[in-house]
Amino acid sequence: NTKNKLLELGFNLIGTEKMKITLKTKPYGYTGDELKRIIEEKGVICEFSDPDYLVLMPSVETGKDGLLRLLTVLGEVPKLKAIKETIFGEVKPEKVLTVRQAIFSDNQTVKIKESIGRILAENTLSCPPAVSVVVAGERIDDNAVQIMQYYGVENLSVVKE
């Protein structure tokens, strides 16, 4: 099957969903975003990418030919030296307000660097996908900011002071 062939090519796969292929890309020498650009230039469309992962979701419409194309395109990508994993400090946010209080508070959007010490007013759901590092009502710390920056978050909605 396709997943076994990807393993034979040297890719690291995670997850067990039958219709989802999630590649952990750094061991192959690329960020997920880099690998996405490479294969999309060759006509393979990805569901999602970030600095660590590439997600492909073939469907019935993909068919055998589409899966063979995927294997061919990924097979042509040269394996590089593994990229060192990024290690972040632990995030233990302080809960200051309830989610409801934070969401309905007066808020403002600030650059992420300006958010340290502030209370998050609205969840940011992209780091990693659909998981907030800090949730509304919690105080934002330096470690949380580092993680969110890593995942491309530039601005946050915070409770007005």
N, C-alpha and C. Protein backbone atom coordinates (compact mmCIF):
# COMPACT_ATOMS: atom_id res chain seq x y z
N ASN A 1 0.83 -1.19 0.00
CA ASN A 1 0.00 0.00 0.00
C ASN A 1 0.87 1.25 0.00
N THR A 2 0.25 2.40 -0.19
CA THR A 2 0.96 3.68 -0.33
C THR A 2 1.79 4.01 0.90
N LYS A 3 1.23 3.83 2.08
CA LYS A 3 1.97 4.17 3.30
C LYS A 3 3.21 3.29 3.44
N ASN A 4 3.12 2.02 3.14
CA ASN A 4 4.29 1.14 3.22
C ASN A 4 5.36 1.56 2.23
N LYS A 5 4.95 1.98 1.04
CA LYS A 5 5.91 2.42 0.03
C LYS A 5 6.60 3.72 0.47
N LEU A 6 5.85 4.60 1.13
CA LEU A 6 6.47 5.83 1.65
C LEU A 6 7.49 5.50 2.73
N LEU A 7 7.18 4.53 3.58
CA LEU A 7 8.14 4.09 4.59
C LEU A 7 9.40 3.53 3.92
N GLU A 8 9.22 2.76 2.86
CA GLU A 8 10.37 2.21 2.12
C GLU A 8 11.22 3.32 1.51
N LEU A 9 10.60 4.43 1.13
CA LEU A 9 11.33 5.57 0.58
C LEU A 9 12.10 6.34 1.67
N GLY A 10 11.81 6.03 2.93
CA GLY A 10 12.52 6.68 4.03
C GLY A 10 11.74 7.76 4.75
N PHE A 11 10.47 7.90 4.41
CA PHE A 11 9.65 8.91 5.09
C PHE A 11 9.16 8.39 6.43
N ASN A 12 9.01 9.29 7.39
CA ASN A 12 8.45 8.97 8.69
C ASN A 12 6.98 9.33 8.67
N LEU A 13 6.13 8.37 8.98
CA LEU A 13 4.69 8.59 9.00
C LEU A 13 4.19 8.52 10.43
N ILE A 14 3.19 9.33 10.72
CA ILE A 14 2.55 9.26 12.04
C ILE A 14 1.05 9.14 11.83
N GLY A 15 0.36 8.64 12.81
CA GLY A 15 -1.09 8.51 12.74
C GLY A 15 -1.51 7.20 12.12
N THR A 16 -2.76 6.85 12.38
CA THR A 16 -3.28 5.57 11.89
C THR A 16 -4.54 5.72 11.04
N GLU A 17 -4.94 6.94 10.73
CA GLU A 17 -6.13 7.13 9.91
C GLU A 17 -5.88 6.60 8.51
N LYS A 18 -6.81 5.83 8.00
CA LYS A 18 -6.63 5.18 6.69
C LYS A 18 -6.58 6.17 5.54
N MET A 19 -7.34 7.23 5.60
CA MET A 19 -7.41 8.18 4.50
C MET A 19 -6.62 9.46 4.76
N LYS A 20 -5.64 9.38 5.63
CA LYS A 20 -4.79 10.54 5.92
C LYS A 20 -3.35 10.06 5.96
N ILE A 21 -2.50 10.78 5.24
CA ILE A 21 -1.07 10.48 5.25
C ILE A 21 -0.38 11.68 5.90
N THR A 22 0.20 11.47 7.07
CA THR A 22 0.90 12.54 7.77
C THR A 22 2.38 12.19 7.82
N LEU A 23 3.18 13.03 7.15
CA LEU A 23 4.62 12.83 7.11
C LEU A 23 5.29 13.74 8.11
N LYS A 24 6.15 13.18 8.94
CA LYS A 24 7.02 13.97 9.81
C LYS A 24 8.24 14.26 8.95
N THR A 25 8.40 15.49 8.51
CA THR A 25 9.31 15.81 7.42
C THR A 25 10.76 16.11 7.82
N LYS A 26 10.99 16.58 9.03
CA LYS A 26 12.35 16.97 9.41
C LYS A 26 13.35 15.81 9.34
N PRO A 27 12.97 14.57 9.69
CA PRO A 27 13.93 13.47 9.54
C PRO A 27 14.36 13.24 8.09
N TYR A 28 13.55 13.69 7.14
CA TYR A 28 13.86 13.55 5.71
C TYR A 28 14.65 14.76 5.19
N GLY A 29 14.81 15.79 6.05
CA GLY A 29 15.64 16.94 5.71
C GLY A 29 14.90 18.17 5.23
N TYR A 30 13.59 18.21 5.42
CA TYR A 30 12.78 19.34 4.97
C TYR A 30 11.79 19.75 6.05
N THR A 31 11.37 21.00 6.01
CA THR A 31 10.22 21.38 6.82
C THR A 31 8.99 20.92 6.04
N GLY A 32 7.87 20.82 6.71
CA GLY A 32 6.64 20.47 6.02
C GLY A 32 6.29 21.49 4.95
N ASP A 33 6.52 22.77 5.25
CA ASP A 33 6.22 23.83 4.28
C ASP A 33 7.12 23.72 3.04
N GLU A 34 8.41 23.40 3.24
CA GLU A 34 9.31 23.23 2.10
C GLU A 34 8.88 22.07 1.21
N LEU A 35 8.57 20.94 1.84
CA LEU A 35 8.17 19.76 1.07
C LEU A 35 6.86 20.03 0.34
N LYS A 36 5.96 20.75 0.96
CA LYS A 36 4.70 21.12 0.31
C LYS A 36 4.96 21.90 -0.97
N ARG A 37 5.84 22.91 -0.90
CA ARG A 37 6.16 23.72 -2.08
C ARG A 37 6.73 22.84 -3.20
N ILE A 38 7.62 21.94 -2.82
CA ILE A 38 8.27 21.08 -3.81
C ILE A 38 7.25 20.21 -4.54
N ILE A 39 6.38 19.55 -3.79
CA ILE A 39 5.46 18.61 -4.45
C ILE A 39 4.27 19.32 -5.11
N GLU A 40 3.89 20.49 -4.60
CA GLU A 40 2.80 21.22 -5.25
C GLU A 40 3.24 21.76 -6.60
N GLU A 41 4.55 22.08 -6.74
CA GLU A 41 5.08 22.50 -8.04
C GLU A 41 4.95 21.38 -9.07
N LYS A 42 4.83 20.15 -8.59
CA LYS A 42 4.69 18.99 -9.49
C LYS A 42 3.25 18.47 -9.52
N GLY A 43 2.32 19.28 -9.02
CA GLY A 43 0.91 18.97 -9.15
C GLY A 43 0.28 18.14 -8.05
N VAL A 44 1.00 17.89 -6.96
CA VAL A 44 0.42 17.15 -5.84
C VAL A 44 -0.04 18.17 -4.80
N ILE A 45 -1.32 18.16 -4.50
CA ILE A 45 -1.90 19.14 -3.58
C ILE A 45 -1.96 18.55 -2.17
N CYS A 46 -1.56 19.35 -1.21
CA CYS A 46 -1.52 18.93 0.20
C CYS A 46 -2.71 19.52 0.95
N GLU A 47 -3.10 18.83 1.99
CA GLU A 47 -4.18 19.32 2.85
C GLU A 47 -3.66 20.38 3.82
N PHE A 48 -2.44 20.16 4.34
CA PHE A 48 -1.90 21.02 5.38
C PHE A 48 -0.40 20.85 5.46
N SER A 49 0.28 21.92 5.84
CA SER A 49 1.71 21.81 6.17
C SER A 49 2.04 22.82 7.25
N ASP A 50 3.10 22.54 7.97
CA ASP A 50 3.65 23.47 8.95
C ASP A 50 5.15 23.18 9.03
N PRO A 51 5.87 23.76 9.97
CA PRO A 51 7.31 23.50 10.01
C PRO A 51 7.69 22.04 10.25
N ASP A 52 6.79 21.23 10.80
CA ASP A 52 7.14 19.85 11.16
C ASP A 52 6.45 18.77 10.34
N TYR A 53 5.29 19.04 9.78
CA TYR A 53 4.48 17.99 9.17
C TYR A 53 3.92 18.40 7.81
N LEU A 54 3.61 17.37 7.03
CA LEU A 54 2.89 17.52 5.78
C LEU A 54 1.74 16.52 5.81
N VAL A 55 0.53 17.01 5.55
CA VAL A 55 -0.64 16.14 5.60
C VAL A 55 -1.25 16.05 4.20
N LEU A 56 -1.46 14.82 3.77
CA LEU A 56 -2.11 14.53 2.50
C LEU A 56 -3.37 13.74 2.80
N MET A 57 -4.46 14.06 2.11
CA MET A 57 -5.71 13.35 2.36
C MET A 57 -6.28 12.86 1.03
N PRO A 58 -5.74 11.75 0.53
CA PRO A 58 -6.30 11.21 -0.71
C PRO A 58 -7.74 10.77 -0.49
N SER A 59 -8.50 10.83 -1.57
CA SER A 59 -9.90 10.41 -1.50
C SER A 59 -10.13 9.33 -2.55
N VAL A 60 -11.35 8.88 -2.64
CA VAL A 60 -11.72 7.89 -3.66
C VAL A 60 -11.40 8.46 -5.05
N GLU A 61 -11.59 9.77 -5.20
CA GLU A 61 -11.33 10.41 -6.50
C GLU A 61 -9.85 10.42 -6.86
N THR A 62 -8.97 10.30 -5.87
CA THR A 62 -7.53 10.28 -6.14
C THR A 62 -7.19 9.09 -7.01
N GLY A 63 -7.76 7.96 -6.68
CA GLY A 63 -7.57 6.74 -7.46
C GLY A 63 -6.14 6.23 -7.44
N LYS A 64 -5.96 5.09 -8.11
CA LYS A 64 -4.64 4.44 -8.16
C LYS A 64 -3.61 5.33 -8.86
N ASP A 65 -4.04 5.98 -9.95
CA ASP A 65 -3.11 6.84 -10.69
C ASP A 65 -2.63 8.01 -9.83
N GLY A 66 -3.52 8.59 -9.06
CA GLY A 66 -3.14 9.70 -8.18
C GLY A 66 -2.16 9.26 -7.11
N LEU A 67 -2.38 8.08 -6.55
CA LEU A 67 -1.47 7.56 -5.52
C LEU A 67 -0.11 7.23 -6.13
N LEU A 68 -0.11 6.69 -7.35
CA LEU A 68 1.17 6.41 -8.02
C LEU A 68 1.91 7.71 -8.32
N ARG A 69 1.16 8.74 -8.71
CA ARG A 69 1.78 10.07 -8.95
C ARG A 69 2.40 10.60 -7.66
N LEU A 70 1.68 10.48 -6.56
CA LEU A 70 2.19 10.91 -5.27
C LEU A 70 3.50 10.19 -4.95
N LEU A 71 3.51 8.88 -5.12
CA LEU A 71 4.73 8.10 -4.82
C LEU A 71 5.87 8.48 -5.75
N THR A 72 5.57 8.73 -7.01
CA THR A 72 6.61 9.13 -7.96
C THR A 72 7.19 10.48 -7.57
N VAL A 73 6.33 11.44 -7.30
CA VAL A 73 6.79 12.79 -6.95
C VAL A 73 7.61 12.76 -5.66
N LEU A 74 7.11 12.09 -4.62
CA LEU A 74 7.87 12.03 -3.36
C LEU A 74 9.15 11.22 -3.54
N GLY A 75 9.11 10.21 -4.39
CA GLY A 75 10.30 9.40 -4.65
C GLY A 75 11.40 10.18 -5.34
N GLU A 76 11.05 11.24 -6.04
CA GLU A 76 12.03 12.09 -6.72
C GLU A 76 12.65 13.14 -5.80
N VAL A 77 12.11 13.31 -4.62
CA VAL A 77 12.64 14.31 -3.68
C VAL A 77 13.86 13.70 -2.98
N PRO A 78 15.02 14.31 -3.16
CA PRO A 78 16.21 13.73 -2.53
C PRO A 78 16.16 13.84 -1.00
N LYS A 79 16.56 12.77 -0.34
CA LYS A 79 16.63 12.81 1.12
C LYS A 79 17.86 13.60 1.52
N LEU A 80 17.68 14.52 2.44
CA LEU A 80 18.76 15.37 2.92
C LEU A 80 19.09 15.01 4.37
N LYS A 81 20.09 15.69 4.90
CA LYS A 81 20.44 15.50 6.32
C LYS A 81 19.25 15.94 7.17
N ALA A 82 18.93 15.15 8.17
CA ALA A 82 17.79 15.45 9.04
C ALA A 82 17.94 16.83 9.67
N ILE A 83 16.83 17.52 9.79
CA ILE A 83 16.80 18.81 10.46
C ILE A 83 16.61 18.56 11.95
N LYS A 84 17.43 19.22 12.75
CA LYS A 84 17.34 19.06 14.20
C LYS A 84 15.96 19.49 14.69
N GLU A 85 15.41 18.69 15.59
CA GLU A 85 14.10 19.01 16.17
C GLU A 85 14.17 20.31 16.97
N THR A 86 13.09 21.06 16.94
CA THR A 86 12.99 22.29 17.72
C THR A 86 12.41 21.94 19.08
N ILE A 87 13.09 22.34 20.13
CA ILE A 87 12.64 22.05 21.49
C ILE A 87 12.20 23.36 22.14
N PHE A 88 11.01 23.35 22.69
CA PHE A 88 10.48 24.53 23.37
C PHE A 88 10.37 24.25 24.86
N GLY A 89 10.38 25.33 25.63
CA GLY A 89 10.13 25.20 27.06
C GLY A 89 8.68 24.84 27.30
N GLU A 90 8.40 24.38 28.49
CA GLU A 90 7.04 23.99 28.85
C GLU A 90 6.17 25.23 29.04
N VAL A 91 4.95 25.14 28.57
CA VAL A 91 3.99 26.24 28.74
C VAL A 91 3.00 25.83 29.80
N LYS A 92 2.97 26.60 30.89
CA LYS A 92 1.99 26.37 31.96
C LYS A 92 1.28 27.70 32.20
N PRO A 93 0.32 28.00 31.32
CA PRO A 93 -0.32 29.31 31.43
C PRO A 93 -1.15 29.48 32.70
N GLU A 94 -1.13 30.70 33.18
CA GLU A 94 -1.92 31.07 34.36
C GLU A 94 -3.32 31.45 33.90
N LYS A 95 -4.34 30.81 34.47
CA LYS A 95 -5.72 31.16 34.14
C LYS A 95 -6.10 32.39 34.95
N VAL A 96 -6.47 33.46 34.25
CA VAL A 96 -6.80 34.73 34.89
C VAL A 96 -8.30 35.01 34.80
N LEU A 97 -8.89 34.72 33.64
CA LEU A 97 -10.32 34.93 33.41
C LEU A 97 -10.92 33.64 32.87
N THR A 98 -12.23 33.53 32.94
CA THR A 98 -12.88 32.41 32.26
C THR A 98 -12.81 32.69 30.76
N VAL A 99 -13.02 31.66 29.97
CA VAL A 99 -13.02 31.83 28.52
C VAL A 99 -14.09 32.85 28.13
N ARG A 100 -15.26 32.72 28.73
CA ARG A 100 -16.36 33.64 28.43
C ARG A 100 -15.99 35.09 28.76
N GLN A 101 -15.41 35.32 29.94
CA GLN A 101 -15.01 36.67 30.32
C GLN A 101 -14.01 37.24 29.32
N ALA A 102 -13.05 36.42 28.93
CA ALA A 102 -12.00 36.89 28.01
C ALA A 102 -12.58 37.22 26.64
N ILE A 103 -13.42 36.34 26.12
CA ILE A 103 -13.97 36.53 24.78
C ILE A 103 -14.87 37.77 24.71
N PHE A 104 -15.63 38.04 25.79
CA PHE A 104 -16.53 39.18 25.77
C PHE A 104 -15.91 40.46 26.35
N SER A 105 -14.64 40.43 26.64
CA SER A 105 -13.97 41.62 27.18
C SER A 105 -13.62 42.59 26.06
N ASP A 106 -13.32 43.84 26.45
CA ASP A 106 -12.75 44.76 25.47
C ASP A 106 -11.38 44.19 25.12
N ASN A 107 -11.10 44.13 23.82
CA ASN A 107 -9.82 43.55 23.43
C ASN A 107 -9.18 44.37 22.33
N GLN A 108 -7.95 44.04 22.05
CA GLN A 108 -7.20 44.72 21.00
C GLN A 108 -6.24 43.71 20.38
N THR A 109 -5.89 43.96 19.15
CA THR A 109 -4.92 43.11 18.45
C THR A 109 -3.55 43.73 18.60
N VAL A 110 -2.57 42.90 19.00
CA VAL A 110 -1.19 43.38 19.17
C VAL A 110 -0.25 42.43 18.45
N LYS A 111 0.94 42.94 18.13
CA LYS A 111 1.99 42.09 17.59
C LYS A 111 2.34 41.06 18.65
N ILE A 112 2.70 39.88 18.22
CA ILE A 112 2.91 38.78 19.17
C ILE A 112 3.96 39.12 20.23
N LYS A 113 5.02 39.82 19.85
CA LYS A 113 6.07 40.18 20.82
C LYS A 113 5.53 41.07 21.94
N GLU A 114 4.47 41.83 21.63
CA GLU A 114 3.88 42.74 22.61
C GLU A 114 2.86 42.04 23.52
N SER A 115 2.64 40.75 23.28
CA SER A 115 1.59 40.05 24.02
C SER A 115 2.08 39.40 25.32
N ILE A 116 3.40 39.34 25.53
CA ILE A 116 3.93 38.67 26.72
C ILE A 116 3.40 39.36 27.98
N GLY A 117 2.83 38.56 28.86
CA GLY A 117 2.27 39.08 30.10
C GLY A 117 0.81 39.48 29.99
N ARG A 118 0.29 39.54 28.76
CA ARG A 118 -1.10 39.93 28.54
C ARG A 118 -2.01 38.71 28.63
N ILE A 119 -3.31 38.95 28.64
CA ILE A 119 -4.30 37.87 28.72
C ILE A 119 -4.91 37.68 27.33
N LEU A 120 -4.90 36.44 26.85
CA LEU A 120 -5.43 36.14 25.53
C LEU A 120 -6.94 36.32 25.52
N ALA A 121 -7.45 37.04 24.50
CA ALA A 121 -8.89 37.28 24.40
C ALA A 121 -9.58 36.30 23.44
N GLU A 122 -8.85 35.85 22.43
CA GLU A 122 -9.43 34.91 21.45
C GLU A 122 -8.41 33.84 21.14
N ASN A 123 -8.86 32.59 21.08
CA ASN A 123 -7.95 31.48 20.79
C ASN A 123 -7.32 31.61 19.42
N THR A 124 -6.09 31.14 19.33
CA THR A 124 -5.35 31.07 18.08
C THR A 124 -5.18 29.60 17.77
N LEU A 125 -5.82 29.12 16.71
CA LEU A 125 -5.90 27.68 16.47
C LEU A 125 -5.02 27.18 15.32
N SER A 126 -3.77 27.54 15.30
CA SER A 126 -2.96 27.05 14.20
C SER A 126 -1.65 26.44 14.66
N CYS A 127 -1.49 26.22 15.91
CA CYS A 127 -0.17 25.81 16.37
C CYS A 127 -0.23 24.77 17.47
N PRO A 128 -0.01 23.53 17.19
CA PRO A 128 -0.18 22.89 15.88
C PRO A 128 -1.64 22.90 15.49
N PRO A 129 -2.00 22.31 14.38
CA PRO A 129 -3.36 22.50 13.86
C PRO A 129 -4.44 22.25 14.91
N ALA A 130 -5.28 23.27 15.08
CA ALA A 130 -6.46 23.21 15.94
C ALA A 130 -6.14 23.02 17.42
N VAL A 131 -4.94 23.34 17.82
CA VAL A 131 -4.56 23.25 19.23
C VAL A 131 -4.00 24.60 19.66
N SER A 132 -4.63 25.22 20.63
CA SER A 132 -4.13 26.49 21.13
C SER A 132 -3.05 26.26 22.17
N VAL A 133 -1.97 26.99 22.06
CA VAL A 133 -0.91 26.92 23.05
C VAL A 133 -1.40 27.54 24.35
N VAL A 134 -2.14 28.62 24.22
CA VAL A 134 -2.77 29.32 25.34
C VAL A 134 -4.23 29.52 24.93
N VAL A 135 -5.15 29.38 25.86
CA VAL A 135 -6.56 29.61 25.52
C VAL A 135 -7.03 30.93 26.11
N ALA A 136 -8.15 31.42 25.57
CA ALA A 136 -8.71 32.68 26.02
C ALA A 136 -8.85 32.69 27.54
N GLY A 137 -8.39 33.77 28.15
CA GLY A 137 -8.44 33.92 29.60
C GLY A 137 -7.13 33.59 30.29
N GLU A 138 -6.16 33.06 29.55
CA GLU A 138 -4.87 32.71 30.15
C GLU A 138 -3.82 33.77 29.81
N ARG A 139 -2.85 33.89 30.73
CA ARG A 139 -1.76 34.84 30.54
C ARG A 139 -0.74 34.25 29.57
N ILE A 140 -0.29 35.07 28.66
CA ILE A 140 0.66 34.65 27.62
C ILE A 140 2.08 34.82 28.16
N ASP A 141 2.88 33.74 28.08
CA ASP A 141 4.27 33.85 28.54
C ASP A 141 5.23 33.74 27.35
N ASP A 142 6.51 33.91 27.63
CA ASP A 142 7.54 33.92 26.59
C ASP A 142 7.59 32.59 25.83
N ASN A 143 7.46 31.46 26.53
CA ASN A 143 7.49 30.16 25.85
C ASN A 143 6.33 30.02 24.89
N ALA A 144 5.15 30.47 25.29
CA ALA A 144 3.99 30.41 24.41
C ALA A 144 4.23 31.25 23.16
N VAL A 145 4.80 32.42 23.35
CA VAL A 145 5.10 33.30 22.21
C VAL A 145 6.08 32.63 21.26
N GLN A 146 7.12 32.00 21.79
CA GLN A 146 8.09 31.31 20.93
C GLN A 146 7.43 30.23 20.09
N ILE A 147 6.56 29.44 20.70
CA ILE A 147 5.87 28.37 19.98
C ILE A 147 4.96 28.96 18.91
N MET A 148 4.18 29.97 19.27
CA MET A 148 3.27 30.57 18.29
C MET A 148 4.02 31.21 17.14
N GLN A 149 5.16 31.85 17.41
CA GLN A 149 5.96 32.42 16.34
C GLN A 149 6.48 31.32 15.41
N TYR A 150 6.90 30.21 15.98
CA TYR A 150 7.39 29.07 15.21
C TYR A 150 6.33 28.62 14.21
N TYR A 151 5.06 28.66 14.62
CA TYR A 151 3.96 28.24 13.76
C TYR A 151 3.39 29.39 12.94
N GLY A 152 4.06 30.53 12.93
CA GLY A 152 3.68 31.62 12.04
C GLY A 152 2.65 32.60 12.56
N VAL A 153 2.32 32.55 13.83
CA VAL A 153 1.36 33.50 14.39
C VAL A 153 2.07 34.85 14.53
N GLU A 154 1.47 35.90 14.00
CA GLU A 154 2.08 37.23 14.04
C GLU A 154 1.37 38.20 14.97
N ASN A 155 0.06 38.04 15.12
CA ASN A 155 -0.75 38.94 15.93
C ASN A 155 -1.67 38.13 16.84
N LEU A 156 -2.01 38.71 17.97
CA LEU A 156 -2.93 38.09 18.91
C LEU A 156 -3.95 39.10 19.39
N SER A 157 -5.12 38.60 19.71
CA SER A 157 -6.15 39.43 20.32
C SER A 157 -6.01 39.26 21.84
N VAL A 158 -5.76 40.36 22.52
CA VAL A 158 -5.56 40.33 23.98
C VAL A 158 -6.59 41.24 24.66
N VAL A 159 -6.82 40.97 25.93
CA VAL A 159 -7.72 41.80 26.74
C VAL A 159 -7.07 43.16 26.92
N LYS A 160 -7.87 44.21 26.70
CA LYS A 160 -7.35 45.57 26.90
C LYS A 160 -6.99 45.77 28.35
N GLU A 161 -5.92 46.49 28.58
CA GLU A 161 -5.48 46.77 29.96
C GLU A 161 -6.18 47.97 30.51
